[in-house]
Every structure is written in C-alpha cells, then in structure tokens.
Amino acid sequence: MENITAIDKFDQLVDSGETFFILKHSNTCPISQAGYDEFAKFEKNGNANCYYLTVQESRDLSNHIAEKFHIKHESPQAILFVNSDVVWHASHFKITAKSMTAAKEENVK
C-alpha cells in the first residue's frame, strides 16, 4: 500500500487510466482502523495498486476526490477507479476484503 498525499500525484494516477483502489482513512477512528485492516488484508491477497490517504494529513486531497468525482466524503471510504473514473465505493463496515474482491471481479475485465 502506498500513501498518497499530493493532489498532482493522485491526478496523474487517475489520468494514467490505471485500475486502482484508494482508501480514505482517519487515524483517530476505530471504525476507520477496521476499514484500513480490511484494505491491508485485501492487498495482501495479491491485489496490487492499492493506495491510501490519511484525511487528517491530506485534507486537500480528500476534498479534491470528493469534489472531482461527486462522492460525498466519508471515512473510512474505499474507492475503485477504472479507466479514470469511479466504478465502486463503500464506507465504514462495508469495506471488507470480500467486498473489494467482488467489486474488482465485477468491474475489471
């Protein structure tokens, strides 16, 4: 998992058309920690292209994602990008390794 903190780096990633997941994570919330743990478990199962941001440290980036892709900010929040667009997102206890695997299977051909 790679930490993304800069808007320009995120925009480059989106513009590349790469398929990737990003997790918005709060370092003060136990629910967010549970989402982070599931995200890490998902990545450990051989899923590449997993990124995260900590909202307290990257508030501008978090807001940028919400505004650019019209997704109400929540934390934790997992988002799947395919071909430079959001195809799936989930928050709170809906972030599980199983739900992310299903989203990837349904949206990545």
N, C-alpha and C. Protein backbone atom coordinates (compact mmCIF):
# COMPACT_ATOMS: atom_id res chain seq x y z
N MET A 1 0.85 -1.18 0.00
CA MET A 1 0.00 0.00 0.00
C MET A 1 0.88 1.24 0.00
N GLU A 2 0.53 2.15 -0.86
CA GLU A 2 1.30 3.38 -0.93
C GLU A 2 0.46 4.55 -0.45
N ASN A 3 1.07 5.39 0.35
CA ASN A 3 0.39 6.59 0.85
C ASN A 3 0.48 7.69 -0.20
N ILE A 4 -0.66 8.25 -0.55
CA ILE A 4 -0.69 9.39 -1.48
C ILE A 4 -1.09 10.61 -0.67
N THR A 5 -0.34 11.69 -0.84
CA THR A 5 -0.64 12.91 -0.09
C THR A 5 -0.87 14.12 -0.98
N ALA A 6 -0.46 14.04 -2.25
CA ALA A 6 -0.49 15.21 -3.13
C ALA A 6 -1.56 15.07 -4.21
N ILE A 7 -2.27 16.15 -4.46
CA ILE A 7 -3.30 16.17 -5.49
C ILE A 7 -2.71 15.86 -6.86
N ASP A 8 -1.56 16.43 -7.19
CA ASP A 8 -0.99 16.21 -8.52
C ASP A 8 -0.61 14.74 -8.74
N LYS A 9 -0.11 14.09 -7.72
CA LYS A 9 0.23 12.66 -7.85
C LYS A 9 -1.04 11.83 -8.05
N PHE A 10 -2.09 12.16 -7.29
CA PHE A 10 -3.36 11.46 -7.45
C PHE A 10 -3.91 11.67 -8.86
N ASP A 11 -3.91 12.92 -9.33
CA ASP A 11 -4.42 13.22 -10.67
C ASP A 11 -3.63 12.49 -11.75
N GLN A 12 -2.32 12.37 -11.57
CA GLN A 12 -1.51 11.61 -12.53
C GLN A 12 -1.94 10.14 -12.55
N LEU A 13 -2.20 9.61 -11.39
CA LEU A 13 -2.64 8.22 -11.28
C LEU A 13 -3.98 8.03 -11.99
N VAL A 14 -4.92 8.93 -11.75
CA VAL A 14 -6.23 8.86 -12.41
C VAL A 14 -6.06 8.99 -13.92
N ASP A 15 -5.29 9.98 -14.35
CA ASP A 15 -5.10 10.25 -15.78
C ASP A 15 -4.41 9.09 -16.51
N SER A 16 -3.68 8.27 -15.79
CA SER A 16 -2.99 7.13 -16.40
C SER A 16 -3.98 6.06 -16.87
N GLY A 17 -5.19 6.10 -16.35
CA GLY A 17 -6.18 5.08 -16.69
C GLY A 17 -5.99 3.78 -15.95
N GLU A 18 -5.02 3.77 -15.04
CA GLU A 18 -4.71 2.58 -14.25
C GLU A 18 -5.92 2.20 -13.39
N THR A 19 -6.10 0.91 -13.18
CA THR A 19 -7.11 0.44 -12.24
C THR A 19 -6.49 0.43 -10.86
N PHE A 20 -7.16 1.08 -9.91
CA PHE A 20 -6.60 1.12 -8.55
C PHE A 20 -7.69 1.38 -7.52
N PHE A 21 -7.38 1.00 -6.30
CA PHE A 21 -8.22 1.31 -5.14
C PHE A 21 -7.51 2.38 -4.32
N ILE A 22 -8.31 3.25 -3.72
CA ILE A 22 -7.76 4.19 -2.74
C ILE A 22 -8.66 4.14 -1.51
N LEU A 23 -8.04 4.24 -0.36
CA LEU A 23 -8.75 4.24 0.92
C LEU A 23 -8.55 5.59 1.59
N LYS A 24 -9.65 6.24 1.94
CA LYS A 24 -9.59 7.43 2.79
C LYS A 24 -9.68 6.92 4.22
N HIS A 25 -8.71 7.27 5.01
CA HIS A 25 -8.53 6.68 6.34
C HIS A 25 -8.36 7.78 7.38
N SER A 26 -9.01 7.61 8.51
CA SER A 26 -8.82 8.52 9.64
C SER A 26 -7.96 7.83 10.69
N ASN A 27 -6.96 8.52 11.19
CA ASN A 27 -6.09 7.88 12.18
C ASN A 27 -6.60 8.03 13.61
N THR A 28 -7.83 8.52 13.78
CA THR A 28 -8.38 8.67 15.12
C THR A 28 -9.68 7.88 15.34
N CYS A 29 -10.09 7.10 14.36
CA CYS A 29 -11.39 6.42 14.43
C CYS A 29 -11.22 4.91 14.39
N PRO A 30 -11.78 4.20 15.36
CA PRO A 30 -11.65 2.74 15.37
C PRO A 30 -12.35 2.07 14.18
N ILE A 31 -13.44 2.64 13.70
CA ILE A 31 -14.11 2.09 12.52
C ILE A 31 -13.19 2.22 11.31
N SER A 32 -12.51 3.35 11.23
CA SER A 32 -11.57 3.56 10.14
C SER A 32 -10.40 2.58 10.23
N GLN A 33 -9.97 2.28 11.41
CA GLN A 33 -8.89 1.30 11.58
C GLN A 33 -9.34 -0.07 11.09
N ALA A 34 -10.59 -0.42 11.36
CA ALA A 34 -11.12 -1.70 10.87
C ALA A 34 -11.13 -1.72 9.34
N GLY A 35 -11.52 -0.60 8.72
CA GLY A 35 -11.50 -0.50 7.26
C GLY A 35 -10.09 -0.60 6.72
N TYR A 36 -9.16 0.05 7.40
CA TYR A 36 -7.75 0.00 6.99
C TYR A 36 -7.23 -1.44 7.06
N ASP A 37 -7.59 -2.14 8.13
CA ASP A 37 -7.14 -3.53 8.28
C ASP A 37 -7.69 -4.42 7.16
N GLU A 38 -8.96 -4.21 6.79
CA GLU A 38 -9.54 -4.97 5.69
C GLU A 38 -8.87 -4.63 4.36
N PHE A 39 -8.56 -3.35 4.17
CA PHE A 39 -7.88 -2.90 2.96
C PHE A 39 -6.50 -3.55 2.86
N ALA A 40 -5.79 -3.59 3.97
CA ALA A 40 -4.46 -4.23 4.01
C ALA A 40 -4.58 -5.73 3.73
N LYS A 41 -5.60 -6.36 4.28
CA LYS A 41 -5.84 -7.78 4.03
C LYS A 41 -6.11 -8.02 2.54
N PHE A 42 -6.91 -7.16 1.93
CA PHE A 42 -7.21 -7.25 0.51
C PHE A 42 -5.93 -7.15 -0.32
N GLU A 43 -5.07 -6.19 0.02
CA GLU A 43 -3.82 -6.03 -0.71
C GLU A 43 -2.91 -7.24 -0.52
N LYS A 44 -2.88 -7.76 0.69
CA LYS A 44 -2.03 -8.92 1.00
C LYS A 44 -2.42 -10.16 0.20
N ASN A 45 -3.68 -10.19 -0.23
CA ASN A 45 -4.18 -11.32 -1.01
C ASN A 45 -3.79 -11.21 -2.48
N GLY A 46 -2.78 -10.40 -2.77
CA GLY A 46 -2.25 -10.31 -4.13
C GLY A 46 -2.84 -9.22 -4.98
N ASN A 47 -3.51 -8.28 -4.37
CA ASN A 47 -4.12 -7.18 -5.12
C ASN A 47 -3.18 -5.98 -5.13
N ALA A 48 -2.69 -5.68 -6.31
CA ALA A 48 -1.78 -4.55 -6.47
C ALA A 48 -2.58 -3.27 -6.64
N ASN A 49 -1.85 -2.17 -6.74
CA ASN A 49 -2.45 -0.87 -6.99
C ASN A 49 -3.43 -0.45 -5.90
N CYS A 50 -2.97 -0.53 -4.68
CA CYS A 50 -3.75 -0.09 -3.52
C CYS A 50 -3.05 1.10 -2.89
N TYR A 51 -3.78 2.19 -2.75
CA TYR A 51 -3.25 3.43 -2.21
C TYR A 51 -4.15 3.87 -1.06
N TYR A 52 -3.61 4.72 -0.21
CA TYR A 52 -4.42 5.27 0.87
C TYR A 52 -3.99 6.70 1.16
N LEU A 53 -4.89 7.40 1.80
CA LEU A 53 -4.56 8.72 2.32
C LEU A 53 -5.14 8.82 3.72
N THR A 54 -4.45 9.54 4.56
CA THR A 54 -4.94 9.81 5.91
C THR A 54 -5.58 11.19 5.88
N VAL A 55 -6.88 11.26 6.18
CA VAL A 55 -7.61 12.51 5.98
C VAL A 55 -7.06 13.65 6.83
N GLN A 56 -6.57 13.37 8.02
CA GLN A 56 -6.02 14.44 8.86
C GLN A 56 -4.77 15.06 8.24
N GLU A 57 -4.03 14.28 7.47
CA GLU A 57 -2.78 14.75 6.88
C GLU A 57 -2.95 15.22 5.43
N SER A 58 -4.03 14.81 4.78
CA SER A 58 -4.23 15.11 3.36
C SER A 58 -5.65 15.59 3.11
N ARG A 59 -6.08 16.54 3.91
CA ARG A 59 -7.45 17.05 3.81
C ARG A 59 -7.74 17.61 2.41
N ASP A 60 -6.79 18.34 1.82
CA ASP A 60 -7.00 18.92 0.49
C ASP A 60 -7.23 17.83 -0.55
N LEU A 61 -6.44 16.77 -0.49
CA LEU A 61 -6.61 15.67 -1.43
C LEU A 61 -7.95 14.97 -1.21
N SER A 62 -8.30 14.73 0.03
CA SER A 62 -9.58 14.10 0.34
C SER A 62 -10.74 14.91 -0.23
N ASN A 63 -10.71 16.22 -0.02
CA ASN A 63 -11.75 17.10 -0.55
C ASN A 63 -11.74 17.11 -2.08
N HIS A 64 -10.56 17.10 -2.67
CA HIS A 64 -10.41 17.10 -4.13
C HIS A 64 -11.11 15.87 -4.73
N ILE A 65 -10.89 14.72 -4.14
CA ILE A 65 -11.51 13.48 -4.63
C ILE A 65 -13.03 13.58 -4.52
N ALA A 66 -13.52 14.04 -3.40
CA ALA A 66 -14.96 14.17 -3.20
C ALA A 66 -15.58 15.12 -4.23
N GLU A 67 -14.94 16.25 -4.45
CA GLU A 67 -15.48 17.24 -5.38
C GLU A 67 -15.35 16.80 -6.84
N LYS A 68 -14.21 16.30 -7.22
CA LYS A 68 -13.96 15.94 -8.62
C LYS A 68 -14.84 14.78 -9.08
N PHE A 69 -15.09 13.83 -8.18
CA PHE A 69 -15.84 12.64 -8.56
C PHE A 69 -17.25 12.59 -7.96
N HIS A 70 -17.67 13.68 -7.32
CA HIS A 70 -19.03 13.81 -6.78
C HIS A 70 -19.39 12.65 -5.85
N ILE A 71 -18.46 12.35 -4.97
CA ILE A 71 -18.67 11.30 -3.96
C ILE A 71 -18.62 11.98 -2.60
N LYS A 72 -19.72 11.94 -1.89
CA LYS A 72 -19.75 12.52 -0.55
C LYS A 72 -18.63 11.90 0.29
N HIS A 73 -17.86 12.75 0.95
CA HIS A 73 -16.75 12.26 1.77
C HIS A 73 -17.26 11.46 2.96
N GLU A 74 -16.64 10.32 3.16
CA GLU A 74 -16.85 9.53 4.36
C GLU A 74 -15.49 8.96 4.74
N SER A 75 -15.39 8.57 5.98
CA SER A 75 -14.14 7.99 6.45
C SER A 75 -14.45 6.91 7.46
N PRO A 76 -14.01 5.71 7.19
CA PRO A 76 -13.21 5.27 6.06
C PRO A 76 -14.06 5.15 4.80
N GLN A 77 -13.37 5.23 3.68
CA GLN A 77 -14.04 5.12 2.38
C GLN A 77 -13.07 4.49 1.39
N ALA A 78 -13.51 3.40 0.77
CA ALA A 78 -12.71 2.74 -0.27
C ALA A 78 -13.34 3.07 -1.62
N ILE A 79 -12.49 3.36 -2.60
CA ILE A 79 -12.95 3.76 -3.92
C ILE A 79 -12.15 2.99 -4.97
N LEU A 80 -12.86 2.45 -5.96
CA LEU A 80 -12.22 1.74 -7.06
C LEU A 80 -12.31 2.60 -8.32
N PHE A 81 -11.15 2.84 -8.92
CA PHE A 81 -11.06 3.60 -10.17
C PHE A 81 -10.71 2.66 -11.31
N VAL A 82 -11.45 2.76 -12.41
CA VAL A 82 -11.17 2.01 -13.62
C VAL A 82 -11.30 2.98 -14.79
N ASN A 83 -10.30 3.01 -15.65
CA ASN A 83 -10.32 3.90 -16.81
C ASN A 83 -10.61 5.35 -16.41
N SER A 84 -9.94 5.81 -15.38
CA SER A 84 -10.00 7.20 -14.92
C SER A 84 -11.34 7.62 -14.32
N ASP A 85 -12.16 6.66 -13.91
CA ASP A 85 -13.44 7.01 -13.32
C ASP A 85 -13.75 6.08 -12.15
N VAL A 86 -14.60 6.55 -11.27
CA VAL A 86 -15.04 5.75 -10.12
C VAL A 86 -16.10 4.76 -10.59
N VAL A 87 -15.88 3.49 -10.28
CA VAL A 87 -16.86 2.46 -10.63
C VAL A 87 -17.50 1.82 -9.40
N TRP A 88 -16.92 2.08 -8.23
CA TRP A 88 -17.43 1.48 -6.99
C TRP A 88 -16.85 2.24 -5.82
N HIS A 89 -17.65 2.36 -4.76
CA HIS A 89 -17.12 2.89 -3.50
C HIS A 89 -17.97 2.37 -2.35
N ALA A 90 -17.35 2.29 -1.19
CA ALA A 90 -18.02 1.81 0.01
C ALA A 90 -17.42 2.53 1.21
N SER A 91 -18.17 2.53 2.30
CA SER A 91 -17.67 3.18 3.50
C SER A 91 -17.97 2.34 4.73
N HIS A 92 -17.31 2.70 5.79
CA HIS A 92 -17.47 2.12 7.11
C HIS A 92 -17.34 0.59 7.08
N PHE A 93 -18.31 -0.12 7.66
CA PHE A 93 -18.19 -1.57 7.77
C PHE A 93 -18.46 -2.31 6.46
N LYS A 94 -18.79 -1.57 5.40
CA LYS A 94 -18.96 -2.19 4.08
C LYS A 94 -17.60 -2.38 3.39
N ILE A 95 -16.55 -1.85 4.00
CA ILE A 95 -15.20 -2.05 3.47
C ILE A 95 -14.66 -3.36 4.03
N THR A 96 -14.70 -4.37 3.18
CA THR A 96 -14.15 -5.67 3.57
C THR A 96 -13.31 -6.19 2.41
N ALA A 97 -12.40 -7.08 2.72
CA ALA A 97 -11.61 -7.70 1.65
C ALA A 97 -12.54 -8.40 0.66
N LYS A 98 -13.59 -9.00 1.17
CA LYS A 98 -14.56 -9.70 0.33
C LYS A 98 -15.31 -8.73 -0.59
N SER A 99 -15.75 -7.59 -0.07
CA SER A 99 -16.50 -6.64 -0.90
C SER A 99 -15.59 -6.02 -1.97
N MET A 100 -14.33 -5.78 -1.63
CA MET A 100 -13.40 -5.21 -2.61
C MET A 100 -13.06 -6.24 -3.69
N THR A 101 -12.93 -7.49 -3.30
CA THR A 101 -12.68 -8.55 -4.28
C THR A 101 -13.85 -8.66 -5.24
N ALA A 102 -15.06 -8.62 -4.70
CA ALA A 102 -16.26 -8.69 -5.55
C ALA A 102 -16.33 -7.47 -6.48
N ALA A 103 -16.02 -6.28 -5.97
CA ALA A 103 -16.06 -5.08 -6.80
C ALA A 103 -15.04 -5.18 -7.93
N LYS A 104 -13.89 -5.70 -7.63
CA LYS A 104 -12.85 -5.85 -8.66
C LYS A 104 -13.29 -6.86 -9.70
N GLU A 105 -13.86 -7.99 -9.27
CA GLU A 105 -14.31 -9.00 -10.22
C GLU A 105 -15.43 -8.48 -11.12
N GLU A 106 -16.31 -7.67 -10.57
CA GLU A 106 -17.45 -7.15 -11.32
C GLU A 106 -17.07 -6.02 -12.28
N ASN A 107 -16.01 -5.28 -11.96
CA ASN A 107 -15.71 -4.07 -12.72
C ASN A 107 -14.42 -4.08 -13.53
N VAL A 108 -13.61 -5.08 -13.34
CA VAL A 108 -12.34 -5.13 -14.06
C VAL A 108 -12.36 -6.34 -14.99
N LYS A 109 -12.31 -6.04 -16.25
CA LYS A 109 -12.39 -7.13 -17.25
C LYS A 109 -11.01 -7.47 -17.76
